[in-house]
Amino acid sequence: MKKIYALCIFLLIVISFSACVNQKDTDTQCGECPQFAPPPPDWCKNGTIVPGVKDECGCQMPAKCEDKS
Protein backbone atom coordinates (compact mmCIF):
# COMPACT_ATOMS: atom_id res chain seq x y z
CA MET A 1 0.00 0.00 0.00
CA LYS A 2 2.87 2.39 0.81
CA LYS A 3 4.41 1.68 -2.59
CA ILE A 4 1.19 2.64 -4.37
CA TYR A 5 0.94 5.83 -2.30
CA ALA A 6 4.54 6.74 -3.11
CA LEU A 7 3.98 5.98 -6.80
CA CYS A 8 0.88 8.23 -6.88
CA ILE A 9 2.80 11.10 -5.28
CA PHE A 10 5.66 10.60 -7.73
CA LEU A 11 3.24 10.68 -10.67
CA LEU A 12 1.62 13.87 -9.37
CA ILE A 13 5.04 15.53 -9.11
CA VAL A 14 5.99 14.46 -12.63
CA ILE A 15 2.68 15.67 -14.08
CA SER A 16 2.97 19.01 -12.26
CA PHE A 17 6.54 19.49 -13.43
CA SER A 18 5.70 18.72 -17.05
CA ALA A 19 2.77 21.14 -16.91
CA CYS A 20 5.09 23.88 -15.67
CA VAL A 21 7.63 23.18 -18.38
CA ASN A 22 5.01 23.29 -21.14
CA GLN A 23 3.37 26.45 -19.81
CA LYS A 24 4.22 29.70 -21.60
CA ASP A 25 6.30 32.26 -19.80
CA THR A 26 3.92 34.49 -17.82
CA ASP A 27 6.07 37.56 -18.54
CA THR A 28 5.20 37.39 -22.23
CA GLN A 29 1.43 37.46 -21.89
CA CYS A 30 0.12 39.57 -24.72
CA GLY A 31 -2.44 42.27 -24.25
CA GLU A 32 -3.10 45.19 -26.54
CA CYS A 33 -0.23 46.41 -28.67
CA PRO A 34 1.29 49.75 -27.64
CA GLN A 35 0.43 52.78 -29.73
CA PHE A 36 3.41 54.93 -30.74
CA ALA A 37 3.22 58.53 -31.87
CA PRO A 38 4.81 59.18 -35.27
CA PRO A 39 8.21 60.88 -35.11
CA PRO A 40 8.58 64.51 -36.19
CA PRO A 41 9.33 65.09 -39.90
CA ASP A 42 13.01 65.97 -39.37
CA TRP A 43 13.63 63.13 -36.89
CA CYS A 44 15.89 61.13 -39.23
CA LYS A 45 17.14 63.94 -41.46
CA ASN A 46 20.68 62.56 -41.94
CA GLY A 47 19.84 58.88 -41.82
CA THR A 48 17.58 56.13 -43.07
CA ILE A 49 14.34 55.21 -41.34
CA VAL A 50 14.19 51.48 -40.65
CA PRO A 51 10.75 50.06 -39.79
CA GLY A 52 10.48 48.50 -36.37
CA VAL A 53 10.28 44.74 -36.04
CA LYS A 54 7.36 42.85 -34.54
CA ASP A 55 7.77 41.60 -30.97
CA GLU A 56 6.88 38.14 -29.64
CA CYS A 57 3.22 39.18 -29.45
CA GLY A 58 3.09 40.38 -33.06
CA CYS A 59 3.05 44.07 -32.12
CA GLN A 60 4.84 46.53 -34.38
CA MET A 61 7.72 48.25 -32.58
CA PRO A 62 8.75 51.85 -33.32
CA ALA A 63 10.96 52.69 -36.28
CA LYS A 64 14.68 53.35 -35.84
CA CYS A 65 17.02 55.81 -37.53
CA GLU A 66 20.28 54.47 -38.96
CA ASP A 67 23.14 56.79 -39.92
CA LYS A 68 23.90 56.92 -43.66
CA SER A 69 27.64 56.86 -42.99
PDB file of N, CA and C in Angstrom:
ATOM      1  N   MET A   1       0.827  -1.197   0.000  1.00  0.00           N
ATOM      2  CA  MET A   1       0.000   0.000   0.000  1.00  0.00           C
ATOM      3  C   MET A   1       0.872   1.262   0.000  1.00  0.00           C
ATOM      4  N   LYS A   2       1.980   1.225   0.771  1.00  0.00           N
ATOM      5  CA  LYS A   2       2.865   2.387   0.808  1.00  0.00           C
ATOM      6  C   LYS A   2       3.518   2.620  -0.546  1.00  0.00           C
ATOM      7  N   LYS A   3       3.794   1.537  -1.279  1.00  0.00           N
ATOM      8  CA  LYS A   3       4.412   1.681  -2.594  1.00  0.00           C
ATOM      9  C   LYS A   3       3.458   2.356  -3.565  1.00  0.00           C
ATOM     10  N   ILE A   4       2.184   2.022  -3.492  1.00  0.00           N
ATOM     11  CA  ILE A   4       1.185   2.641  -4.366  1.00  0.00           C
ATOM     12  C   ILE A   4       1.041   4.121  -4.025  1.00  0.00           C
ATOM     13  N   TYR A   5       1.038   4.441  -2.746  1.00  0.00           N
ATOM     14  CA  TYR A   5       0.942   5.831  -2.297  1.00  0.00           C
ATOM     15  C   TYR A   5       2.146   6.634  -2.797  1.00  0.00           C
ATOM     16  N   ALA A   6       3.329   6.063  -2.653  1.00  0.00           N
ATOM     17  CA  ALA A   6       4.543   6.744  -3.107  1.00  0.00           C
ATOM     18  C   ALA A   6       4.525   6.908  -4.630  1.00  0.00           C
ATOM     19  N   LEU A   7       4.056   5.910  -5.343  1.00  0.00           N
ATOM     20  CA  LEU A   7       3.975   5.981  -6.798  1.00  0.00           C
ATOM     21  C   LEU A   7       2.999   7.070  -7.232  1.00  0.00           C
ATOM     22  N   CYS A   8       1.868   7.188  -6.552  1.00  0.00           N
ATOM     23  CA  CYS A   8       0.882   8.228  -6.876  1.00  0.00           C
ATOM     24  C   CYS A   8       1.474   9.623  -6.658  1.00  0.00           C
ATOM     25  N   ILE A   9       2.182   9.795  -5.561  1.00  0.00           N
ATOM     26  CA  ILE A   9       2.800  11.101  -5.280  1.00  0.00           C
ATOM     27  C   ILE A   9       3.856  11.406  -6.342  1.00  0.00           C
ATOM     28  N   PHE A  10       4.647  10.411  -6.697  1.00  0.00           N
ATOM     29  CA  PHE A  10       5.661  10.600  -7.727  1.00  0.00           C
ATOM     30  C   PHE A  10       5.018  11.008  -9.056  1.00  0.00           C
ATOM     31  N   LEU A  11       3.929  10.346  -9.423  1.00  0.00           N
ATOM     32  CA  LEU A  11       3.241  10.681 -10.667  1.00  0.00           C
ATOM     33  C   LEU A  11       2.672  12.104 -10.630  1.00  0.00           C
ATOM     34  N   LEU A  12       2.132  12.505  -9.497  1.00  0.00           N
ATOM     35  CA  LEU A  12       1.619  13.873  -9.366  1.00  0.00           C
ATOM     36  C   LEU A  12       2.736  14.898  -9.534  1.00  0.00           C
ATOM     37  N   ILE A  13       3.900  14.615  -8.981  1.00  0.00           N
ATOM     38  CA  ILE A  13       5.036  15.526  -9.107  1.00  0.00           C
ATOM     39  C   ILE A  13       5.483  15.612 -10.564  1.00  0.00           C
ATOM     40  N   VAL A  14       5.569  14.481 -11.232  1.00  0.00           N
ATOM     41  CA  VAL A  14       5.992  14.459 -12.633  1.00  0.00           C
ATOM     42  C   VAL A  14       4.991  15.211 -13.505  1.00  0.00           C
ATOM     43  N   ILE A  15       3.712  14.988 -13.293  1.00  0.00           N
ATOM     44  CA  ILE A  15       2.685  15.673 -14.081  1.00  0.00           C
ATOM     45  C   ILE A  15       2.733  17.178 -13.827  1.00  0.00           C
ATOM     46  N   SER A  16       2.893  17.583 -12.579  1.00  0.00           N
ATOM     47  CA  SER A  16       2.974  19.011 -12.256  1.00  0.00           C
ATOM     48  C   SER A  16       4.192  19.648 -12.898  1.00  0.00           C
ATOM     49  N   PHE A  17       5.319  18.953 -12.841  1.00  0.00           N
ATOM     50  CA  PHE A  17       6.541  19.489 -13.427  1.00  0.00           C
ATOM     51  C   PHE A  17       6.405  19.640 -14.933  1.00  0.00           C
ATOM     52  N   SER A  18       5.839  18.636 -15.597  1.00  0.00           N
ATOM     53  CA  SER A  18       5.700  18.724 -17.052  1.00  0.00           C
ATOM     54  C   SER A  18       4.711  19.819 -17.441  1.00  0.00           C
ATOM     55  N   ALA A  19       3.714  20.060 -16.630  1.00  0.00           N
ATOM     56  CA  ALA A  19       2.766  21.140 -16.913  1.00  0.00           C
ATOM     57  C   ALA A  19       3.463  22.490 -16.804  1.00  0.00           C
ATOM     58  N   CYS A  20       4.347  22.625 -15.828  1.00  0.00           N
ATOM     59  CA  CYS A  20       5.087  23.882 -15.666  1.00  0.00           C
ATOM     60  C   CYS A  20       6.055  24.098 -16.814  1.00  0.00           C
ATOM     61  N   VAL A  21       6.678  23.057 -17.288  1.00  0.00           N
ATOM     62  CA  VAL A  21       7.634  23.182 -18.384  1.00  0.00           C
ATOM     63  C   VAL A  21       6.926  23.564 -19.664  1.00  0.00           C
ATOM     64  N   ASN A  22       5.746  23.015 -19.908  1.00  0.00           N
ATOM     65  CA  ASN A  22       5.013  23.292 -21.138  1.00  0.00           C
ATOM     66  C   ASN A  22       4.243  24.602 -21.105  1.00  0.00           C
ATOM     67  N   GLN A  23       4.116  25.207 -19.943  1.00  0.00           N
ATOM     68  CA  GLN A  23       3.365  26.446 -19.809  1.00  0.00           C
ATOM     69  C   GLN A  23       4.185  27.597 -20.372  1.00  0.00           C
ATOM     70  N   LYS A  24       3.529  28.532 -21.064  1.00  0.00           N
ATOM     71  CA  LYS A  24       4.223  29.699 -21.598  1.00  0.00           C
ATOM     72  C   LYS A  24       4.713  30.571 -20.463  1.00  0.00           C
ATOM     73  N   ASP A  25       5.747  31.322 -20.762  1.00  0.00           N
ATOM     74  CA  ASP A  25       6.303  32.257 -19.797  1.00  0.00           C
ATOM     75  C   ASP A  25       5.253  33.321 -19.475  1.00  0.00           C
ATOM     76  N   THR A  26       4.969  33.541 -18.193  1.00  0.00           N
ATOM     77  CA  THR A  26       3.918  34.486 -17.816  1.00  0.00           C
ATOM     78  C   THR A  26       4.328  35.928 -18.080  1.00  0.00           C
ATOM     79  N   ASP A  27       5.633  36.204 -18.260  1.00  0.00           N
ATOM     80  CA  ASP A  27       6.069  37.564 -18.542  1.00  0.00           C
ATOM     81  C   ASP A  27       5.736  37.992 -19.969  1.00  0.00           C
ATOM     82  N   THR A  28       5.467  37.050 -20.849  1.00  0.00           N
ATOM     83  CA  THR A  28       5.203  37.394 -22.230  1.00  0.00           C
ATOM     84  C   THR A  28       3.720  37.298 -22.574  1.00  0.00           C
ATOM     85  N   GLN A  29       2.863  37.464 -21.599  1.00  0.00           N
ATOM     86  CA  GLN A  29       1.434  37.460 -21.895  1.00  0.00           C
ATOM     87  C   GLN A  29       1.118  38.695 -22.727  1.00  0.00           C
ATOM     88  N   CYS A  30       0.400  38.484 -23.798  1.00  0.00           N
ATOM     89  CA  CYS A  30       0.118  39.572 -24.725  1.00  0.00           C
ATOM     90  C   CYS A  30      -1.225  40.213 -24.417  1.00  0.00           C
ATOM     91  N   GLY A  31      -1.211  41.491 -24.396  1.00  0.00           N
ATOM     92  CA  GLY A  31      -2.437  42.268 -24.251  1.00  0.00           C
ATOM     93  C   GLY A  31      -2.585  43.081 -25.527  1.00  0.00           C
ATOM     94  N   GLU A  32      -3.009  44.308 -25.385  1.00  0.00           N
ATOM     95  CA  GLU A  32      -3.105  45.191 -26.543  1.00  0.00           C
ATOM     96  C   GLU A  32      -1.720  45.683 -26.924  1.00  0.00           C
ATOM     97  N   CYS A  33      -1.517  45.889 -28.198  1.00  0.00           N
ATOM     98  CA  CYS A  33      -0.233  46.412 -28.673  1.00  0.00           C
ATOM     99  C   CYS A  33      -0.114  47.894 -28.299  1.00  0.00           C
ATOM    100  N   PRO A  34       1.105  48.335 -27.971  1.00  0.00           N
ATOM    101  CA  PRO A  34       1.287  49.752 -27.637  1.00  0.00           C
ATOM    102  C   PRO A  34       1.108  50.620 -28.874  1.00  0.00           C
ATOM    103  N   GLN A  35       0.613  51.813 -28.659  1.00  0.00           N
ATOM    104  CA  GLN A  35       0.425  52.782 -29.734  1.00  0.00           C
ATOM    105  C   GLN A  35       1.553  53.809 -29.639  1.00  0.00           C
ATOM    106  N   PHE A  36       2.300  53.988 -30.714  1.00  0.00           N
ATOM    107  CA  PHE A  36       3.409  54.929 -30.736  1.00  0.00           C
ATOM    108  C   PHE A  36       3.032  56.138 -31.575  1.00  0.00           C
ATOM    109  N   ALA A  37       3.440  57.311 -31.105  1.00  0.00           N
ATOM    110  CA  ALA A  37       3.216  58.535 -31.874  1.00  0.00           C
ATOM    111  C   ALA A  37       4.231  58.579 -33.016  1.00  0.00           C
ATOM    112  N   PRO A  38       3.842  59.084 -34.176  1.00  0.00           N
ATOM    113  CA  PRO A  38       4.806  59.180 -35.275  1.00  0.00           C
ATOM    114  C   PRO A  38       5.910  60.181 -34.921  1.00  0.00           C
ATOM    115  N   PRO A  39       7.122  59.946 -35.406  1.00  0.00           N
ATOM    116  CA  PRO A  39       8.212  60.881 -35.113  1.00  0.00           C
ATOM    117  C   PRO A  39       8.028  62.171 -35.897  1.00  0.00           C
ATOM    118  N   PRO A  40       8.679  63.248 -35.450  1.00  0.00           N
ATOM    119  CA  PRO A  40       8.578  64.513 -36.193  1.00  0.00           C
ATOM    120  C   PRO A  40       9.223  64.368 -37.581  1.00  0.00           C
ATOM    121  N   PRO A  41       8.839  65.213 -38.524  1.00  0.00           N
ATOM    122  CA  PRO A  41       9.330  65.087 -39.903  1.00  0.00           C
ATOM    123  C   PRO A  41      10.860  65.105 -40.039  1.00  0.00           C
ATOM    124  N   ASP A  42      11.547  65.881 -39.233  1.00  0.00           N
ATOM    125  CA  ASP A  42      13.006  65.970 -39.366  1.00  0.00           C
ATOM    126  C   ASP A  42      13.740  65.045 -38.389  1.00  0.00           C
ATOM    127  N   TRP A  43      13.054  64.047 -37.889  1.00  0.00           N
ATOM    128  CA  TRP A  43      13.626  63.129 -36.894  1.00  0.00           C
ATOM    129  C   TRP A  43      14.828  62.369 -37.426  1.00  0.00           C
ATOM    130  N   CYS A  44      14.804  61.941 -38.662  1.00  0.00           N
ATOM    131  CA  CYS A  44      15.894  61.132 -39.227  1.00  0.00           C
ATOM    132  C   CYS A  44      16.431  61.835 -40.482  1.00  0.00           C
ATOM    133  N   LYS A  45      16.753  63.102 -40.336  1.00  0.00           N
ATOM    134  CA  LYS A  45      17.144  63.937 -41.463  1.00  0.00           C
ATOM    135  C   LYS A  45      18.418  63.419 -42.143  1.00  0.00           C
ATOM    136  N   ASN A  46      19.401  62.998 -41.372  1.00  0.00           N
ATOM    137  CA  ASN A  46      20.682  62.561 -41.938  1.00  0.00           C
ATOM    138  C   ASN A  46      20.851  61.046 -41.874  1.00  0.00           C
ATOM    139  N   GLY A  47      19.763  60.335 -41.921  1.00  0.00           N
ATOM    140  CA  GLY A  47      19.842  58.883 -41.819  1.00  0.00           C
ATOM    141  C   GLY A  47      18.753  58.208 -42.639  1.00  0.00           C
ATOM    142  N   THR A  48      18.596  56.929 -42.389  1.00  0.00           N
ATOM    143  CA  THR A  48      17.585  56.135 -43.069  1.00  0.00           C
ATOM    144  C   THR A  48      16.629  55.577 -42.031  1.00  0.00           C
ATOM    145  N   ILE A  49      15.343  55.741 -42.261  1.00  0.00           N
ATOM    146  CA  ILE A  49      14.337  55.209 -41.337  1.00  0.00           C
ATOM    147  C   ILE A  49      14.168  53.724 -41.607  1.00  0.00           C
ATOM    148  N   VAL A  50      14.337  52.931 -40.562  1.00  0.00           N
ATOM    149  CA  VAL A  50      14.187  51.484 -40.654  1.00  0.00           C
ATOM    150  C   VAL A  50      12.935  51.111 -39.870  1.00  0.00           C
ATOM    151  N   PRO A  51      11.967  50.441 -40.517  1.00  0.00           N
ATOM    152  CA  PRO A  51      10.750  50.064 -39.794  1.00  0.00           C
ATOM    153  C   PRO A  51      11.070  49.182 -38.592  1.00  0.00           C
ATOM    154  N   GLY A  52      10.301  49.326 -37.558  1.00  0.00           N
ATOM    155  CA  GLY A  52      10.477  48.497 -36.368  1.00  0.00           C
ATOM    156  C   GLY A  52      10.039  47.066 -36.630  1.00  0.00           C
ATOM    157  N   VAL A  53      10.632  46.162 -35.903  1.00  0.00           N
ATOM    158  CA  VAL A  53      10.281  44.744 -36.038  1.00  0.00           C
ATOM    159  C   VAL A  53       9.052  44.448 -35.191  1.00  0.00           C
ATOM    160  N   LYS A  54       8.484  43.277 -35.369  1.00  0.00           N
ATOM    161  CA  LYS A  54       7.358  42.852 -34.535  1.00  0.00           C
ATOM    162  C   LYS A  54       7.899  42.077 -33.339  1.00  0.00           C
ATOM    163  N   ASP A  55       7.326  42.304 -32.173  1.00  0.00           N
ATOM    164  CA  ASP A  55       7.770  41.602 -30.972  1.00  0.00           C
ATOM    165  C   ASP A  55       7.143  40.217 -30.897  1.00  0.00           C
ATOM    166  N   GLU A  56       7.373  39.508 -29.778  1.00  0.00           N
ATOM    167  CA  GLU A  56       6.884  38.136 -29.637  1.00  0.00           C
ATOM    168  C   GLU A  56       5.361  38.042 -29.624  1.00  0.00           C
ATOM    169  N   CYS A  57       4.684  39.174 -29.440  1.00  0.00           N
ATOM    170  CA  CYS A  57       3.219  39.178 -29.453  1.00  0.00           C
ATOM    171  C   CYS A  57       2.655  39.619 -30.801  1.00  0.00           C
ATOM    172  N   GLY A  58       3.536  39.946 -31.746  1.00  0.00           N
ATOM    173  CA  GLY A  58       3.088  40.384 -33.060  1.00  0.00           C
ATOM    174  C   GLY A  58       2.831  41.872 -33.139  1.00  0.00           C
ATOM    175  N   CYS A  59       3.250  42.624 -32.127  1.00  0.00           N
ATOM    176  CA  CYS A  59       3.046  44.068 -32.116  1.00  0.00           C
ATOM    177  C   CYS A  59       4.185  44.766 -32.847  1.00  0.00           C
ATOM    178  N   GLN A  60       3.847  45.756 -33.651  1.00  0.00           N
ATOM    179  CA  GLN A  60       4.839  46.528 -34.381  1.00  0.00           C
ATOM    180  C   GLN A  60       5.570  47.444 -33.410  1.00  0.00           C
ATOM    181  N   MET A  61       6.890  47.391 -33.420  1.00  0.00           N
ATOM    182  CA  MET A  61       7.720  48.251 -32.579  1.00  0.00           C
ATOM    183  C   MET A  61       8.056  49.523 -33.347  1.00  0.00           C
ATOM    184  N   PRO A  62       8.492  50.578 -32.636  1.00  0.00           N
ATOM    185  CA  PRO A  62       8.750  51.852 -33.324  1.00  0.00           C
ATOM    186  C   PRO A  62       9.921  51.756 -34.310  1.00  0.00           C
ATOM    187  N   ALA A  63       9.893  52.638 -35.283  1.00  0.00           N
ATOM    188  CA  ALA A  63      10.963  52.694 -36.280  1.00  0.00           C
ATOM    189  C   ALA A  63      12.250  53.203 -35.638  1.00  0.00           C
ATOM    190  N   LYS A  64      13.375  52.902 -36.315  1.00  0.00           N
ATOM    191  CA  LYS A  64      14.678  53.352 -35.843  1.00  0.00           C
ATOM    192  C   LYS A  64      15.338  54.160 -36.945  1.00  0.00           C
ATOM    193  N   CYS A  65      16.288  54.998 -36.572  1.00  0.00           N
ATOM    194  CA  CYS A  65      17.022  55.815 -37.526  1.00  0.00           C
ATOM    195  C   CYS A  65      18.460  55.310 -37.574  1.00  0.00           C
ATOM    196  N   GLU A  66      18.897  54.919 -38.780  1.00  0.00           N
ATOM    197  CA  GLU A  66      20.283  54.472 -38.955  1.00  0.00           C
ATOM    198  C   GLU A  66      21.053  55.547 -39.708  1.00  0.00           C
ATOM    199  N   ASP A  67      22.277  55.811 -39.248  1.00  0.00           N
ATOM    200  CA  ASP A  67      23.138  56.788 -39.921  1.00  0.00           C
ATOM    201  C   ASP A  67      23.462  56.316 -41.333  1.00  0.00           C
ATOM    202  N   LYS A  68      23.562  57.267 -42.271  1.00  0.00           N
ATOM    203  CA  LYS A  68      23.905  56.921 -43.658  1.00  0.00           C
ATOM    204  C   LYS A  68      25.385  56.594 -43.800  1.00  0.00           C
ATOM    205  N   SER A  69      26.182  57.051 -42.866  1.00  0.00           N
ATOM    206  CA  SER A  69      27.644  56.856 -42.988  1.00  0.00           C
ATOM    207  C   SER A  69      28.110  55.497 -42.669  1.00  0.00           C
TER     208      SER A  69
END
